[in-house]
Amino acid sequence: MKRKGNFWQALSSQKGLTYAELLVSLFIFSIGMAGVAPFLVLIPESIPGGQRLLEINEIVKLKINAIQSLPLYRLESMVGKSFTEDLSGLKITTRIEPSQSYPDLIRISVEVSWKDLGGNTNSASYATYYNKREATPY
């Protein structure tokens, strides 16, 4: 016996879902969730790492601002020197060097290294330049 109309009209006239449609939709949903699952595992691991990087950025910013606020004669006496300190699990190395290309600039670089929760050593480097012409002499 033939139905009148096309296939899509026949489907739209049904009321409710069949078991096959329900199983297909659950299968498609489970494939989508399987794709998202690895990210759900990574999120709790990345939050402490992100907080640590925010701490490091703030420490470096304060350190660079403190060095840049020094009078020029004091900063020039530190050129060519390197300072290392440990601060709550962070190894912070600050270098003050003359610029290779421009004699009016002093390069301030800060390198921070730390161990993450897995015991791996990570590091981040930051650098900026101090312009002698804009410095306060005293």
N, C-alpha and C. Protein backbone atom coordinates (compact mmCIF):
# COMPACT_ATOMS: atom_id res chain seq x y z
N MET A 1 0.83 -1.16 0.00
CA MET A 1 0.00 0.00 0.00
C MET A 1 0.89 1.25 0.00
N LYS A 2 0.59 2.16 -0.88
CA LYS A 2 1.38 3.37 -1.03
C LYS A 2 0.76 4.51 -0.23
N ARG A 3 1.70 5.29 0.41
CA ARG A 3 1.21 6.48 1.10
C ARG A 3 1.13 7.64 0.13
N LYS A 4 0.21 8.51 0.39
CA LYS A 4 0.11 9.70 -0.45
C LYS A 4 1.04 10.75 0.12
N GLY A 5 1.66 11.53 -0.73
CA GLY A 5 2.58 12.56 -0.31
C GLY A 5 4.02 12.07 -0.35
N ASN A 6 4.94 12.94 0.04
CA ASN A 6 6.35 12.55 0.00
C ASN A 6 6.82 12.06 1.37
N PHE A 7 8.08 11.70 1.43
CA PHE A 7 8.69 11.13 2.64
C PHE A 7 8.64 12.10 3.82
N TRP A 8 8.98 13.37 3.58
CA TRP A 8 9.05 14.35 4.67
C TRP A 8 7.66 14.63 5.27
N GLN A 9 6.65 14.57 4.44
CA GLN A 9 5.30 14.76 4.96
C GLN A 9 4.91 13.58 5.85
N ALA A 10 5.35 12.41 5.47
CA ALA A 10 5.04 11.23 6.26
C ALA A 10 5.73 11.30 7.62
N LEU A 11 6.98 11.78 7.63
CA LEU A 11 7.70 11.90 8.91
C LEU A 11 7.05 12.95 9.81
N SER A 12 6.65 14.06 9.22
CA SER A 12 6.11 15.14 10.04
C SER A 12 4.71 14.82 10.59
N SER A 13 4.06 13.84 10.03
CA SER A 13 2.72 13.50 10.52
C SER A 13 2.77 12.57 11.73
N GLN A 14 3.98 12.02 12.04
CA GLN A 14 4.08 11.13 13.20
C GLN A 14 4.02 11.94 14.48
N LYS A 15 3.51 11.30 15.52
CA LYS A 15 3.46 11.95 16.83
C LYS A 15 4.46 11.24 17.73
N GLY A 16 5.36 12.03 18.40
CA GLY A 16 6.33 11.45 19.30
C GLY A 16 7.57 10.96 18.57
N LEU A 17 8.48 10.34 19.34
CA LEU A 17 9.74 9.83 18.79
C LEU A 17 9.73 8.31 18.83
N THR A 18 10.35 7.73 17.83
CA THR A 18 10.51 6.27 17.86
C THR A 18 11.78 5.94 18.62
N TYR A 19 11.94 4.69 19.00
CA TYR A 19 13.16 4.27 19.71
C TYR A 19 14.39 4.47 18.84
N ALA A 20 14.27 4.24 17.56
CA ALA A 20 15.41 4.41 16.66
C ALA A 20 15.87 5.87 16.63
N GLU A 21 14.91 6.79 16.55
CA GLU A 21 15.27 8.21 16.55
C GLU A 21 15.91 8.62 17.87
N LEU A 22 15.41 8.09 18.95
CA LEU A 22 15.98 8.39 20.26
C LEU A 22 17.41 7.85 20.36
N LEU A 23 17.64 6.62 19.91
CA LEU A 23 18.99 6.04 19.94
C LEU A 23 19.96 6.81 19.05
N VAL A 24 19.53 7.23 17.88
CA VAL A 24 20.39 8.01 16.99
C VAL A 24 20.75 9.35 17.63
N SER A 25 19.78 10.02 18.22
CA SER A 25 20.07 11.31 18.84
C SER A 25 21.00 11.15 20.04
N LEU A 26 20.82 10.08 20.85
CA LEU A 26 21.74 9.83 21.96
C LEU A 26 23.15 9.52 21.47
N PHE A 27 23.25 8.79 20.38
CA PHE A 27 24.55 8.47 19.80
C PHE A 27 25.27 9.75 19.34
N ILE A 28 24.55 10.63 18.65
CA ILE A 28 25.14 11.89 18.20
C ILE A 28 25.55 12.76 19.39
N PHE A 29 24.72 12.81 20.41
CA PHE A 29 25.05 13.58 21.61
C PHE A 29 26.29 13.02 22.30
N SER A 30 26.41 11.69 22.38
CA SER A 30 27.58 11.09 23.04
C SER A 30 28.86 11.36 22.26
N ILE A 31 28.79 11.41 20.94
CA ILE A 31 29.98 11.75 20.15
C ILE A 31 30.41 13.19 20.45
N GLY A 32 29.46 14.08 20.54
CA GLY A 32 29.78 15.47 20.89
C GLY A 32 30.39 15.60 22.27
N MET A 33 29.85 14.88 23.23
CA MET A 33 30.40 14.93 24.60
C MET A 33 31.79 14.31 24.66
N ALA A 34 32.03 13.28 23.86
CA ALA A 34 33.36 12.67 23.82
C ALA A 34 34.39 13.66 23.29
N GLY A 35 33.98 14.54 22.39
CA GLY A 35 34.89 15.56 21.89
C GLY A 35 35.17 16.65 22.91
N VAL A 36 34.24 16.93 23.79
CA VAL A 36 34.39 17.97 24.80
C VAL A 36 35.09 17.45 26.06
N ALA A 37 35.02 16.18 26.32
CA ALA A 37 35.54 15.60 27.57
C ALA A 37 37.01 15.92 27.85
N PRO A 38 37.92 15.86 26.88
CA PRO A 38 39.31 16.20 27.19
C PRO A 38 39.48 17.61 27.72
N PHE A 39 38.68 18.55 27.22
CA PHE A 39 38.77 19.92 27.70
C PHE A 39 38.28 20.04 29.14
N LEU A 40 37.30 19.24 29.51
CA LEU A 40 36.81 19.27 30.89
C LEU A 40 37.87 18.77 31.85
N VAL A 41 38.73 17.89 31.41
CA VAL A 41 39.83 17.40 32.24
C VAL A 41 40.93 18.45 32.36
N LEU A 42 41.20 19.20 31.28
CA LEU A 42 42.28 20.18 31.27
C LEU A 42 41.97 21.45 32.05
N ILE A 43 40.71 21.80 32.15
CA ILE A 43 40.34 23.07 32.80
C ILE A 43 40.84 23.14 34.25
N PRO A 44 40.57 22.15 35.11
CA PRO A 44 41.07 22.26 36.49
C PRO A 44 42.59 22.29 36.59
N GLU A 45 43.28 21.68 35.63
CA GLU A 45 44.74 21.70 35.65
C GLU A 45 45.29 23.05 35.22
N SER A 46 44.60 23.77 34.36
CA SER A 46 45.13 25.03 33.83
C SER A 46 44.83 26.23 34.72
N ILE A 47 43.85 26.15 35.59
CA ILE A 47 43.51 27.30 36.44
C ILE A 47 44.65 27.68 37.38
N PRO A 48 45.27 26.73 38.12
CA PRO A 48 46.39 27.14 38.97
C PRO A 48 47.57 27.68 38.17
N GLY A 49 47.80 27.14 36.98
CA GLY A 49 48.88 27.65 36.14
C GLY A 49 48.63 29.07 35.70
N GLY A 50 47.39 29.39 35.38
CA GLY A 50 47.05 30.75 35.00
C GLY A 50 47.19 31.72 36.15
N GLN A 51 46.82 31.29 37.34
CA GLN A 51 46.97 32.14 38.52
C GLN A 51 48.45 32.40 38.80
N ARG A 52 49.27 31.37 38.60
CA ARG A 52 50.71 31.52 38.81
C ARG A 52 51.30 32.52 37.82
N LEU A 53 50.86 32.46 36.56
CA LEU A 53 51.36 33.41 35.56
C LEU A 53 50.93 34.84 35.88
N LEU A 54 49.73 35.01 36.42
CA LEU A 54 49.30 36.35 36.84
C LEU A 54 50.19 36.88 37.96
N GLU A 55 50.52 36.02 38.93
CA GLU A 55 51.44 36.41 40.01
C GLU A 55 52.79 36.82 39.44
N ILE A 56 53.31 36.02 38.53
CA ILE A 56 54.63 36.28 37.95
C ILE A 56 54.61 37.61 37.19
N ASN A 57 53.58 37.85 36.39
CA ASN A 57 53.49 39.11 35.66
C ASN A 57 53.46 40.31 36.60
N GLU A 58 52.74 40.18 37.69
CA GLU A 58 52.66 41.29 38.65
C GLU A 58 54.01 41.54 39.32
N ILE A 59 54.70 40.46 39.71
CA ILE A 59 56.02 40.60 40.33
C ILE A 59 57.01 41.25 39.38
N VAL A 60 57.01 40.80 38.13
CA VAL A 60 57.93 41.36 37.13
C VAL A 60 57.61 42.83 36.88
N LYS A 61 56.33 43.16 36.77
CA LYS A 61 55.94 44.55 36.55
C LYS A 61 56.43 45.45 37.70
N LEU A 62 56.25 44.99 38.93
CA LEU A 62 56.72 45.77 40.08
C LEU A 62 58.23 45.92 40.08
N LYS A 63 58.93 44.84 39.73
CA LYS A 63 60.40 44.87 39.71
C LYS A 63 60.91 45.83 38.64
N ILE A 64 60.35 45.77 37.45
CA ILE A 64 60.78 46.67 36.37
C ILE A 64 60.44 48.12 36.72
N ASN A 65 59.27 48.37 37.28
CA ASN A 65 58.91 49.74 37.67
C ASN A 65 59.84 50.27 38.75
N ALA A 66 60.23 49.41 39.69
CA ALA A 66 61.15 49.85 40.74
C ALA A 66 62.52 50.22 40.15
N ILE A 67 62.99 49.42 39.20
CA ILE A 67 64.29 49.72 38.58
C ILE A 67 64.20 50.99 37.75
N GLN A 68 63.12 51.16 37.00
CA GLN A 68 62.97 52.35 36.17
C GLN A 68 62.79 53.63 36.99
N SER A 69 62.37 53.50 38.23
CA SER A 69 62.18 54.70 39.05
C SER A 69 63.46 55.13 39.76
N LEU A 70 64.53 54.35 39.59
CA LEU A 70 65.81 54.73 40.19
C LEU A 70 66.40 55.95 39.49
N PRO A 71 67.15 56.76 40.21
CA PRO A 71 67.83 57.87 39.55
C PRO A 71 68.87 57.33 38.55
N LEU A 72 69.19 58.13 37.56
CA LEU A 72 70.07 57.70 36.48
C LEU A 72 71.45 57.26 37.00
N TYR A 73 72.04 58.03 37.92
CA TYR A 73 73.37 57.67 38.41
C TYR A 73 73.36 56.30 39.09
N ARG A 74 72.27 55.97 39.78
CA ARG A 74 72.16 54.68 40.46
C ARG A 74 71.99 53.54 39.45
N LEU A 75 71.17 53.79 38.46
CA LEU A 75 70.94 52.77 37.43
C LEU A 75 72.19 52.53 36.61
N GLU A 76 72.92 53.60 36.28
CA GLU A 76 74.15 53.42 35.51
C GLU A 76 75.20 52.64 36.29
N SER A 77 75.17 52.73 37.61
CA SER A 77 76.12 51.95 38.42
C SER A 77 75.77 50.46 38.42
N MET A 78 74.56 50.11 38.01
CA MET A 78 74.12 48.71 37.98
C MET A 78 74.27 48.07 36.60
N VAL A 79 74.62 48.87 35.58
CA VAL A 79 74.73 48.35 34.22
C VAL A 79 75.84 47.30 34.16
N GLY A 80 75.53 46.19 33.51
CA GLY A 80 76.48 45.09 33.38
C GLY A 80 76.39 44.08 34.51
N LYS A 81 75.45 44.28 35.41
CA LYS A 81 75.31 43.39 36.56
C LYS A 81 74.05 42.54 36.44
N SER A 82 74.07 41.45 37.19
CA SER A 82 72.94 40.53 37.20
C SER A 82 72.61 40.21 38.66
N PHE A 83 71.33 40.15 38.96
CA PHE A 83 70.88 39.89 40.33
C PHE A 83 69.91 38.71 40.30
N THR A 84 70.10 37.76 41.21
CA THR A 84 69.22 36.60 41.30
C THR A 84 68.65 36.52 42.70
N GLU A 85 67.35 36.24 42.77
CA GLU A 85 66.71 36.08 44.07
C GLU A 85 65.65 34.99 43.98
N ASP A 86 65.35 34.39 45.11
CA ASP A 86 64.29 33.39 45.21
C ASP A 86 63.13 34.00 45.98
N LEU A 87 61.94 33.86 45.42
CA LEU A 87 60.76 34.42 46.04
C LEU A 87 59.63 33.42 45.93
N SER A 88 59.31 32.78 47.01
CA SER A 88 58.23 31.78 47.11
C SER A 88 58.19 30.82 45.92
N GLY A 89 59.30 30.16 45.70
CA GLY A 89 59.38 29.15 44.64
C GLY A 89 59.73 29.69 43.27
N LEU A 90 59.91 30.99 43.16
CA LEU A 90 60.28 31.61 41.89
C LEU A 90 61.74 32.01 41.93
N LYS A 91 62.48 31.66 40.90
CA LYS A 91 63.86 32.12 40.77
C LYS A 91 63.83 33.29 39.79
N ILE A 92 64.15 34.48 40.29
CA ILE A 92 64.05 35.70 39.49
C ILE A 92 65.45 36.23 39.22
N THR A 93 65.81 36.33 37.95
CA THR A 93 67.11 36.86 37.55
C THR A 93 66.89 38.16 36.79
N THR A 94 67.48 39.22 37.30
CA THR A 94 67.36 40.54 36.68
C THR A 94 68.72 40.94 36.12
N ARG A 95 68.73 41.33 34.86
CA ARG A 95 69.97 41.78 34.20
C ARG A 95 69.77 43.21 33.71
N ILE A 96 70.79 44.02 33.94
CA ILE A 96 70.77 45.40 33.46
C ILE A 96 71.98 45.54 32.56
N GLU A 97 71.71 45.77 31.27
CA GLU A 97 72.77 45.76 30.26
C GLU A 97 72.67 46.99 29.37
N PRO A 98 73.80 47.41 28.82
CA PRO A 98 73.72 48.49 27.84
C PRO A 98 73.09 47.97 26.56
N SER A 99 72.40 48.83 25.85
CA SER A 99 71.82 48.44 24.57
C SER A 99 72.93 48.29 23.55
N GLN A 100 72.83 47.27 22.72
CA GLN A 100 73.86 47.03 21.70
C GLN A 100 73.78 48.07 20.57
N SER A 101 72.58 48.53 20.26
CA SER A 101 72.39 49.40 19.10
C SER A 101 72.32 50.88 19.44
N TYR A 102 71.76 51.21 20.60
CA TYR A 102 71.52 52.60 20.94
C TYR A 102 72.18 52.93 22.28
N PRO A 103 73.15 53.83 22.30
CA PRO A 103 73.87 54.14 23.54
C PRO A 103 73.01 54.85 24.60
N ASP A 104 71.89 55.44 24.19
CA ASP A 104 71.03 56.14 25.16
C ASP A 104 70.06 55.20 25.88
N LEU A 105 70.06 53.92 25.52
CA LEU A 105 69.12 52.98 26.12
C LEU A 105 69.84 51.99 27.02
N ILE A 106 69.17 51.63 28.09
CA ILE A 106 69.63 50.57 28.99
C ILE A 106 68.58 49.47 28.95
N ARG A 107 69.03 48.24 28.70
CA ARG A 107 68.10 47.11 28.61
C ARG A 107 67.93 46.49 29.99
N ILE A 108 66.68 46.35 30.42
CA ILE A 108 66.35 45.70 31.69
C ILE A 108 65.62 44.41 31.34
N SER A 109 66.19 43.29 31.71
CA SER A 109 65.54 42.01 31.43
C SER A 109 65.34 41.25 32.73
N VAL A 110 64.21 40.58 32.82
CA VAL A 110 63.87 39.79 33.99
C VAL A 110 63.47 38.40 33.50
N GLU A 111 64.14 37.38 34.03
CA GLU A 111 63.78 36.00 33.71
C GLU A 111 63.30 35.33 34.97
N VAL A 112 62.16 34.66 34.88
CA VAL A 112 61.56 33.99 36.02
C VAL A 112 61.46 32.51 35.69
N SER A 113 61.91 31.65 36.61
CA SER A 113 61.72 30.21 36.41
C SER A 113 61.07 29.63 37.65
N TRP A 114 60.26 28.59 37.45
CA TRP A 114 59.52 27.96 38.53
C TRP A 114 59.18 26.54 38.15
N LYS A 115 58.79 25.76 39.14
CA LYS A 115 58.34 24.39 38.90
C LYS A 115 56.83 24.35 39.02
N ASP A 116 56.19 23.66 38.06
CA ASP A 116 54.74 23.54 38.12
C ASP A 116 54.35 22.37 39.00
N LEU A 117 53.06 22.07 39.09
CA LEU A 117 52.58 21.01 39.97
C LEU A 117 53.11 19.64 39.57
N GLY A 118 53.44 19.47 38.29
CA GLY A 118 53.98 18.20 37.81
C GLY A 118 55.48 18.08 38.01
N GLY A 119 56.13 19.12 38.53
CA GLY A 119 57.57 19.10 38.74
C GLY A 119 58.38 19.56 37.54
N ASN A 120 57.72 20.00 36.48
CA ASN A 120 58.42 20.50 35.30
C ASN A 120 58.86 21.94 35.52
N THR A 121 60.06 22.26 35.03
CA THR A 121 60.57 23.62 35.16
C THR A 121 60.08 24.46 34.00
N ASN A 122 59.51 25.61 34.33
CA ASN A 122 59.02 26.56 33.33
C ASN A 122 59.78 27.86 33.49
N SER A 123 59.80 28.66 32.44
CA SER A 123 60.44 29.97 32.55
C SER A 123 59.74 30.97 31.64
N ALA A 124 59.87 32.22 32.00
CA ALA A 124 59.31 33.31 31.21
C ALA A 124 60.32 34.46 31.25
N SER A 125 60.49 35.12 30.12
CA SER A 125 61.43 36.23 30.02
C SER A 125 60.70 37.50 29.65
N TYR A 126 61.11 38.59 30.27
CA TYR A 126 60.52 39.90 30.03
C TYR A 126 61.67 40.88 29.83
N ALA A 127 61.48 41.86 28.98
CA ALA A 127 62.52 42.86 28.77
C ALA A 127 61.88 44.19 28.42
N THR A 128 62.58 45.25 28.80
CA THR A 128 62.16 46.60 28.44
C THR A 128 63.42 47.46 28.35
N TYR A 129 63.25 48.67 27.87
CA TYR A 129 64.38 49.58 27.74
C TYR A 129 64.13 50.84 28.54
N TYR A 130 65.21 51.37 29.09
CA TYR A 130 65.18 52.59 29.88
C TYR A 130 65.91 53.65 29.07
N ASN A 131 65.25 54.76 28.81
CA ASN A 131 65.84 55.83 28.02
C ASN A 131 66.55 56.81 28.94
N LYS A 132 67.86 56.94 28.77
CA LYS A 132 68.65 57.84 29.63
C LYS A 132 68.22 59.30 29.47
N ARG A 133 67.77 59.66 28.29
CA ARG A 133 67.38 61.05 28.03
C ARG A 133 66.14 61.45 28.83
N GLU A 134 65.28 60.48 29.13
CA GLU A 134 64.06 60.78 29.88
C GLU A 134 64.21 60.53 31.37
N ALA A 135 65.41 60.18 31.80
CA ALA A 135 65.63 59.81 33.20
C ALA A 135 65.75 61.04 34.09
N THR A 136 65.41 60.83 35.36
CA THR A 136 65.65 61.89 36.34
C THR A 136 67.10 61.76 36.81
N PRO A 137 67.86 62.82 36.79
CA PRO A 137 69.28 62.70 37.12
C PRO A 137 69.54 62.39 38.60
N TYR A 138 68.61 62.77 39.51
CA TYR A 138 68.85 62.55 40.94
C TYR A 138 67.73 61.82 41.59
